[in-house]
Amino acid sequence: MSELVLTLAAAQGRSTGTWHAVELHRSPSELDGACEVAVCGALARIDVDVVWDGADEDACEACADLLY
């Protein structure tokens, strides 16, 4: 049986500062700083130095609900 592994990055929304989850389909070195579509559908900029775990008070509730 194979196992599905999601690679998530943290991305901050520009208008609210909320942190979102973005599923990565390419390596972090290929990211160009453009907005990416978060799991919840919001546009946000990825910060590869931040780990998204959904537990922070400024994390997107919709992203957390969809993933956990």
PDB file of N, CA and C in Angstrom:
ATOM      1  N   MET A   1       0.844  -1.167   0.000  1.00  0.00           N
ATOM      2  CA  MET A   1       0.000   0.000   0.000  1.00  0.00           C
ATOM      3  C   MET A   1       0.899   1.243   0.000  1.00  0.00           C
ATOM      4  N   SER A   2       0.576   2.190  -0.852  1.00  0.00           N
ATOM      5  CA  SER A   2       1.366   3.416  -0.916  1.00  0.00           C
ATOM      6  C   SER A   2       0.796   4.450   0.045  1.00  0.00           C
ATOM      7  N   GLU A   3       1.644   5.403   0.398  1.00  0.00           N
ATOM      8  CA  GLU A   3       1.259   6.440   1.346  1.00  0.00           C
ATOM      9  C   GLU A   3       1.355   7.803   0.681  1.00  0.00           C
ATOM     10  N   LEU A   4       0.338   8.619   0.844  1.00  0.00           N
ATOM     11  CA  LEU A   4       0.313   9.966   0.294  1.00  0.00           C
ATOM     12  C   LEU A   4       0.936  10.924   1.306  1.00  0.00           C
ATOM     13  N   VAL A   5       1.895  11.717   0.850  1.00  0.00           N
ATOM     14  CA  VAL A   5       2.546  12.685   1.721  1.00  0.00           C
ATOM     15  C   VAL A   5       2.351  14.070   1.129  1.00  0.00           C
ATOM     16  N   LEU A   6       1.752  14.969   1.904  1.00  0.00           N
ATOM     17  CA  LEU A   6       1.571  16.349   1.474  1.00  0.00           C
ATOM     18  C   LEU A   6       2.749  17.178   1.957  1.00  0.00           C
ATOM     19  N   THR A   7       3.272  18.010   1.075  1.00  0.00           N
ATOM     20  CA  THR A   7       4.310  18.951   1.458  1.00  0.00           C
ATOM     21  C   THR A   7       3.663  20.319   1.540  1.00  0.00           C
ATOM     22  N   LEU A   8       3.573  20.836   2.757  1.00  0.00           N
ATOM     23  CA  LEU A   8       2.910  22.110   2.977  1.00  0.00           C
ATOM     24  C   LEU A   8       3.911  23.203   3.302  1.00  0.00           C
ATOM     25  N   ALA A   9       3.620  24.385   2.834  1.00  0.00           N
ATOM     26  CA  ALA A   9       4.424  25.565   3.160  1.00  0.00           C
ATOM     27  C   ALA A   9       3.505  26.594   3.790  1.00  0.00           C
ATOM     28  N   ALA A  10       4.078  27.455   4.599  1.00  0.00           N
ATOM     29  CA  ALA A  10       3.319  28.557   5.192  1.00  0.00           C
ATOM     30  C   ALA A  10       3.350  29.738   4.237  1.00  0.00           C
ATOM     31  N   ALA A  11       2.212  30.392   4.102  1.00  0.00           N
ATOM     32  CA  ALA A  11       2.112  31.557   3.225  1.00  0.00           C
ATOM     33  C   ALA A  11       1.257  32.609   3.922  1.00  0.00           C
ATOM     34  N   GLN A  12       1.711  33.839   3.863  1.00  0.00           N
ATOM     35  CA  GLN A  12       1.006  34.909   4.560  1.00  0.00           C
ATOM     36  C   GLN A  12       0.170  35.727   3.596  1.00  0.00           C
ATOM     37  N   GLY A  13      -1.099  35.889   3.960  1.00  0.00           N
ATOM     38  CA  GLY A  13      -1.998  36.714   3.164  1.00  0.00           C
ATOM     39  C   GLY A  13      -1.622  38.180   3.301  1.00  0.00           C
ATOM     40  N   ARG A  14      -1.609  38.895   2.205  1.00  0.00           N
ATOM     41  CA  ARG A  14      -1.182  40.294   2.225  1.00  0.00           C
ATOM     42  C   ARG A  14      -2.185  41.210   2.902  1.00  0.00           C
ATOM     43  N   SER A  15      -3.456  40.974   2.707  1.00  0.00           N
ATOM     44  CA  SER A  15      -4.451  41.913   3.222  1.00  0.00           C
ATOM     45  C   SER A  15      -4.707  41.745   4.715  1.00  0.00           C
ATOM     46  N   THR A  16      -4.643  40.517   5.228  1.00  0.00           N
ATOM     47  CA  THR A  16      -4.987  40.282   6.633  1.00  0.00           C
ATOM     48  C   THR A  16      -3.806  39.857   7.493  1.00  0.00           C
ATOM     49  N   GLY A  17      -2.741  39.365   6.883  1.00  0.00           N
ATOM     50  CA  GLY A  17      -1.611  38.852   7.657  1.00  0.00           C
ATOM     51  C   GLY A  17      -1.825  37.437   8.160  1.00  0.00           C
ATOM     52  N   THR A  18      -2.963  36.845   7.803  1.00  0.00           N
ATOM     53  CA  THR A  18      -3.269  35.476   8.217  1.00  0.00           C
ATOM     54  C   THR A  18      -2.331  34.503   7.517  1.00  0.00           C
ATOM     55  N   TRP A  19      -1.910  33.468   8.261  1.00  0.00           N
ATOM     56  CA  TRP A  19      -1.052  32.442   7.679  1.00  0.00           C
ATOM     57  C   TRP A  19      -1.908  31.325   7.098  1.00  0.00           C
ATOM     58  N   HIS A  20      -1.592  30.935   5.871  1.00  0.00           N
ATOM     59  CA  HIS A  20      -2.320  29.904   5.143  1.00  0.00           C
ATOM     60  C   HIS A  20      -1.394  28.729   4.839  1.00  0.00           C
ATOM     61  N   ALA A  21      -1.990  27.605   4.494  1.00  0.00           N
ATOM     62  CA  ALA A  21      -1.239  26.427   4.046  1.00  0.00           C
ATOM     63  C   ALA A  21      -1.279  26.365   2.528  1.00  0.00           C
ATOM     64  N   VAL A  22      -0.120  26.126   1.933  1.00  0.00           N
ATOM     65  CA  VAL A  22      -0.017  25.954   0.480  1.00  0.00           C
ATOM     66  C   VAL A  22       0.641  24.608   0.222  1.00  0.00           C
ATOM     67  N   GLU A  23       0.001  23.794  -0.613  1.00  0.00           N
ATOM     68  CA  GLU A  23       0.591  22.519  -0.983  1.00  0.00           C
ATOM     69  C   GLU A  23       1.628  22.767  -2.069  1.00  0.00           C
ATOM     70  N   LEU A  24       2.858  22.322  -1.808  1.00  0.00           N
ATOM     71  CA  LEU A  24       3.937  22.530  -2.775  1.00  0.00           C
ATOM     72  C   LEU A  24       3.977  21.403  -3.795  1.00  0.00           C
ATOM     73  N   HIS A  25       4.051  21.803  -5.053  1.00  0.00           N
ATOM     74  CA  HIS A  25       4.173  20.844  -6.152  1.00  0.00           C
ATOM     75  C   HIS A  25       5.527  20.962  -6.836  1.00  0.00           C
ATOM     76  N   ARG A  26       6.370  21.822  -6.290  1.00  0.00           N
ATOM     77  CA  ARG A  26       7.732  21.987  -6.819  1.00  0.00           C
ATOM     78  C   ARG A  26       8.655  22.335  -5.660  1.00  0.00           C
ATOM     79  N   SER A  27       9.937  22.323  -5.906  1.00  0.00           N
ATOM     80  CA  SER A  27      10.892  22.555  -4.818  1.00  0.00           C
ATOM     81  C   SER A  27      10.899  24.028  -4.399  1.00  0.00           C
ATOM     82  N   PRO A  28      11.221  24.304  -3.136  1.00  0.00           N
ATOM     83  CA  PRO A  28      11.270  25.691  -2.655  1.00  0.00           C
ATOM     84  C   PRO A  28      12.207  26.580  -3.469  1.00  0.00           C
ATOM     85  N   SER A  29      13.250  26.007  -4.047  1.00  0.00           N
ATOM     86  CA  SER A  29      14.191  26.815  -4.844  1.00  0.00           C
ATOM     87  C   SER A  29      13.546  27.331  -6.130  1.00  0.00           C
ATOM     88  N   GLU A  30      12.452  26.716  -6.558  1.00  0.00           N
ATOM     89  CA  GLU A  30      11.757  27.138  -7.771  1.00  0.00           C
ATOM     90  C   GLU A  30      10.697  28.213  -7.519  1.00  0.00           C
ATOM     91  N   LEU A  31      10.437  28.536  -6.268  1.00  0.00           N
ATOM     92  CA  LEU A  31       9.439  29.554  -5.950  1.00  0.00           C
ATOM     93  C   LEU A  31      10.004  30.925  -6.274  1.00  0.00           C
ATOM     94  N   ASP A  32       9.189  31.767  -6.903  1.00  0.00           N
ATOM     95  CA  ASP A  32       9.685  33.057  -7.374  1.00  0.00           C
ATOM     96  C   ASP A  32       9.140  34.258  -6.601  1.00  0.00           C
ATOM     97  N   GLY A  33       8.435  34.009  -5.494  1.00  0.00           N
ATOM     98  CA  GLY A  33       7.911  35.111  -4.701  1.00  0.00           C
ATOM     99  C   GLY A  33       6.539  35.586  -5.121  1.00  0.00           C
ATOM    100  N   ALA A  34       5.991  35.004  -6.160  1.00  0.00           N
ATOM    101  CA  ALA A  34       4.640  35.364  -6.587  1.00  0.00           C
ATOM    102  C   ALA A  34       3.626  34.738  -5.635  1.00  0.00           C
ATOM    103  N   CYS A  35       2.425  35.251  -5.650  1.00  0.00           N
ATOM    104  CA  CYS A  35       1.359  34.686  -4.819  1.00  0.00           C
ATOM    105  C   CYS A  35       1.041  33.269  -5.280  1.00  0.00           C
ATOM    106  N   GLU A  36       0.725  32.431  -4.316  1.00  0.00           N
ATOM    107  CA  GLU A  36       0.320  31.058  -4.589  1.00  0.00           C
ATOM    108  C   GLU A  36      -1.101  30.875  -4.052  1.00  0.00           C
ATOM    109  N   VAL A  37      -1.800  29.882  -4.549  1.00  0.00           N
ATOM    110  CA  VAL A  37      -3.152  29.597  -4.080  1.00  0.00           C
ATOM    111  C   VAL A  37      -3.053  28.673  -2.865  1.00  0.00           C
ATOM    112  N   ALA A  38      -3.632  29.128  -1.759  1.00  0.00           N
ATOM    113  CA  ALA A  38      -3.630  28.345  -0.521  1.00  0.00           C
ATOM    114  C   ALA A  38      -4.673  27.238  -0.601  1.00  0.00           C
ATOM    115  N   VAL A  39      -4.607  26.322   0.340  1.00  0.00           N
ATOM    116  CA  VAL A  39      -5.548  25.204   0.409  1.00  0.00           C
ATOM    117  C   VAL A  39      -6.987  25.709   0.454  1.00  0.00           C
ATOM    118  N   CYS A  40      -7.220  26.838   1.127  1.00  0.00           N
ATOM    119  CA  CYS A  40      -8.575  27.393   1.259  1.00  0.00           C
ATOM    120  C   CYS A  40      -8.990  28.236   0.060  1.00  0.00           C
ATOM    121  N   GLY A  41      -8.064  28.486  -0.863  1.00  0.00           N
ATOM    122  CA  GLY A  41      -8.371  29.274  -2.050  1.00  0.00           C
ATOM    123  C   GLY A  41      -7.860  30.701  -2.012  1.00  0.00           C
ATOM    124  N   ALA A  42      -7.338  31.139  -0.871  1.00  0.00           N
ATOM    125  CA  ALA A  42      -6.808  32.495  -0.752  1.00  0.00           C
ATOM    126  C   ALA A  42      -5.472  32.609  -1.489  1.00  0.00           C
ATOM    127  N   LEU A  43      -5.127  33.829  -1.879  1.00  0.00           N
ATOM    128  CA  LEU A  43      -3.815  34.087  -2.457  1.00  0.00           C
ATOM    129  C   LEU A  43      -2.874  34.564  -1.354  1.00  0.00           C
ATOM    130  N   ALA A  44      -1.684  33.990  -1.310  1.00  0.00           N
ATOM    131  CA  ALA A  44      -0.731  34.335  -0.255  1.00  0.00           C
ATOM    132  C   ALA A  44       0.686  34.079  -0.751  1.00  0.00           C
ATOM    133  N   ARG A  45       1.643  34.770  -0.132  1.00  0.00           N
ATOM    134  CA  ARG A  45       3.059  34.595  -0.486  1.00  0.00           C
ATOM    135  C   ARG A  45       3.714  33.602   0.468  1.00  0.00           C
ATOM    136  N   ILE A  46       4.396  32.624  -0.098  1.00  0.00           N
ATOM    137  CA  ILE A  46       5.052  31.576   0.684  1.00  0.00           C
ATOM    138  C   ILE A  46       6.294  32.132   1.371  1.00  0.00           C
ATOM    139  N   ASP A  47       6.480  31.724   2.618  1.00  0.00           N
ATOM    140  CA  ASP A  47       7.700  32.001   3.366  1.00  0.00           C
ATOM    141  C   ASP A  47       8.290  30.647   3.729  1.00  0.00           C
ATOM    142  N   VAL A  48       9.342  30.229   3.030  1.00  0.00           N
ATOM    143  CA  VAL A  48       9.904  28.889   3.224  1.00  0.00           C
ATOM    144  C   VAL A  48      10.575  28.728   4.581  1.00  0.00           C
ATOM    145  N   ASP A  49      10.775  29.824   5.307  1.00  0.00           N
ATOM    146  CA  ASP A  49      11.402  29.755   6.627  1.00  0.00           C
ATOM    147  C   ASP A  49      10.386  29.553   7.748  1.00  0.00           C
ATOM    148  N   VAL A  50       9.096  29.550   7.423  1.00  0.00           N
ATOM    149  CA  VAL A  50       8.039  29.403   8.420  1.00  0.00           C
ATOM    150  C   VAL A  50       7.340  28.067   8.215  1.00  0.00           C
ATOM    151  N   VAL A  51       7.133  27.344   9.297  1.00  0.00           N
ATOM    152  CA  VAL A  51       6.433  26.057   9.246  1.00  0.00           C
ATOM    153  C   VAL A  51       4.966  26.297   9.560  1.00  0.00           C
ATOM    154  N   TRP A  52       4.078  25.808   8.717  1.00  0.00           N
ATOM    155  CA  TRP A  52       2.641  25.948   8.953  1.00  0.00           C
ATOM    156  C   TRP A  52       2.143  24.698   9.640  1.00  0.00           C
ATOM    157  N   ASP A  53       1.557  24.871  10.827  1.00  0.00           N
ATOM    158  CA  ASP A  53       1.015  23.711  11.524  1.00  0.00           C
ATOM    159  C   ASP A  53      -0.463  23.863  11.862  1.00  0.00           C
ATOM    160  N   GLY A  54      -1.033  25.034  11.594  1.00  0.00           N
ATOM    161  CA  GLY A  54      -2.451  25.248  11.812  1.00  0.00           C
ATOM    162  C   GLY A  54      -2.846  25.525  13.242  1.00  0.00           C
ATOM    163  N   ALA A  55      -1.892  25.507  14.167  1.00  0.00           N
ATOM    164  CA  ALA A  55      -2.218  25.680  15.580  1.00  0.00           C
ATOM    165  C   ALA A  55      -2.055  27.120  16.061  1.00  0.00           C
ATOM    166  N   ASP A  56      -1.365  27.955  15.304  1.00  0.00           N
ATOM    167  CA  ASP A  56      -1.151  29.336  15.723  1.00  0.00           C
ATOM    168  C   ASP A  56      -2.456  30.117  15.685  1.00  0.00           C
ATOM    169  N   GLU A  57      -2.564  31.119  16.528  1.00  0.00           N
ATOM    170  CA  GLU A  57      -3.799  31.906  16.575  1.00  0.00           C
ATOM    171  C   GLU A  57      -4.021  32.716  15.301  1.00  0.00           C
ATOM    172  N   ASP A  58      -2.964  32.980  14.541  1.00  0.00           N
ATOM    173  CA  ASP A  58      -3.127  33.725  13.288  1.00  0.00           C
ATOM    174  C   ASP A  58      -3.120  32.810  12.059  1.00  0.00           C
ATOM    175  N   ALA A  59      -3.360  31.504  12.281  1.00  0.00           N
ATOM    176  CA  ALA A  59      -3.456  30.551  11.172  1.00  0.00           C
ATOM    177  C   ALA A  59      -4.882  30.550  10.620  1.00  0.00           C
ATOM    178  N   CYS A  60      -5.008  30.328   9.350  1.00  0.00           N
ATOM    179  CA  CYS A  60      -6.305  30.289   8.676  1.00  0.00           C
ATOM    180  C   CYS A  60      -7.114  29.089   9.170  1.00  0.00           C
ATOM    181  N   GLU A  61      -8.290  29.358   9.700  1.00  0.00           N
ATOM    182  CA  GLU A  61      -9.146  28.279  10.192  1.00  0.00           C
ATOM    183  C   GLU A  61      -9.633  27.379   9.061  1.00  0.00           C
ATOM    184  N   ALA A  62      -9.888  27.964   7.889  1.00  0.00           N
ATOM    185  CA  ALA A  62     -10.359  27.161   6.755  1.00  0.00           C
ATOM    186  C   ALA A  62      -9.280  26.182   6.299  1.00  0.00           C
ATOM    187  N   CYS A  63      -8.038  26.621   6.249  1.00  0.00           N
ATOM    188  CA  CYS A  63      -6.943  25.710   5.869  1.00  0.00           C
ATOM    189  C   CYS A  63      -6.830  24.580   6.880  1.00  0.00           C
ATOM    190  N   ALA A  64      -6.895  24.910   8.165  1.00  0.00           N
ATOM    191  CA  ALA A  64      -6.792  23.901   9.209  1.00  0.00           C
ATOM    192  C   ALA A  64      -7.954  22.916   9.116  1.00  0.00           C
ATOM    193  N   ASP A  65      -9.166  23.427   8.898  1.00  0.00           N
ATOM    194  CA  ASP A  65     -10.340  22.539   8.792  1.00  0.00           C
ATOM    195  C   ASP A  65     -10.226  21.593   7.600  1.00  0.00           C
ATOM    196  N   LEU A  66      -9.707  22.081   6.483  1.00  0.00           N
ATOM    197  CA  LEU A  66      -9.602  21.253   5.280  1.00  0.00           C
ATOM    198  C   LEU A  66      -8.521  20.184   5.415  1.00  0.00           C
ATOM    199  N   LEU A  67      -7.483  20.471   6.198  1.00  0.00           N
ATOM    200  CA  LEU A  67      -6.359  19.536   6.299  1.00  0.00           C
ATOM    201  C   LEU A  67      -6.446  18.592   7.484  1.00  0.00           C
ATOM    202  N   TYR A  68      -7.109  19.008   8.532  1.00  0.00           N
ATOM    203  CA  TYR A  68      -7.098  18.189   9.754  1.00  0.00           C
ATOM    204  C   TYR A  68      -8.476  17.803  10.112  1.00  0.00           C
TER     205      TYR A  68
END
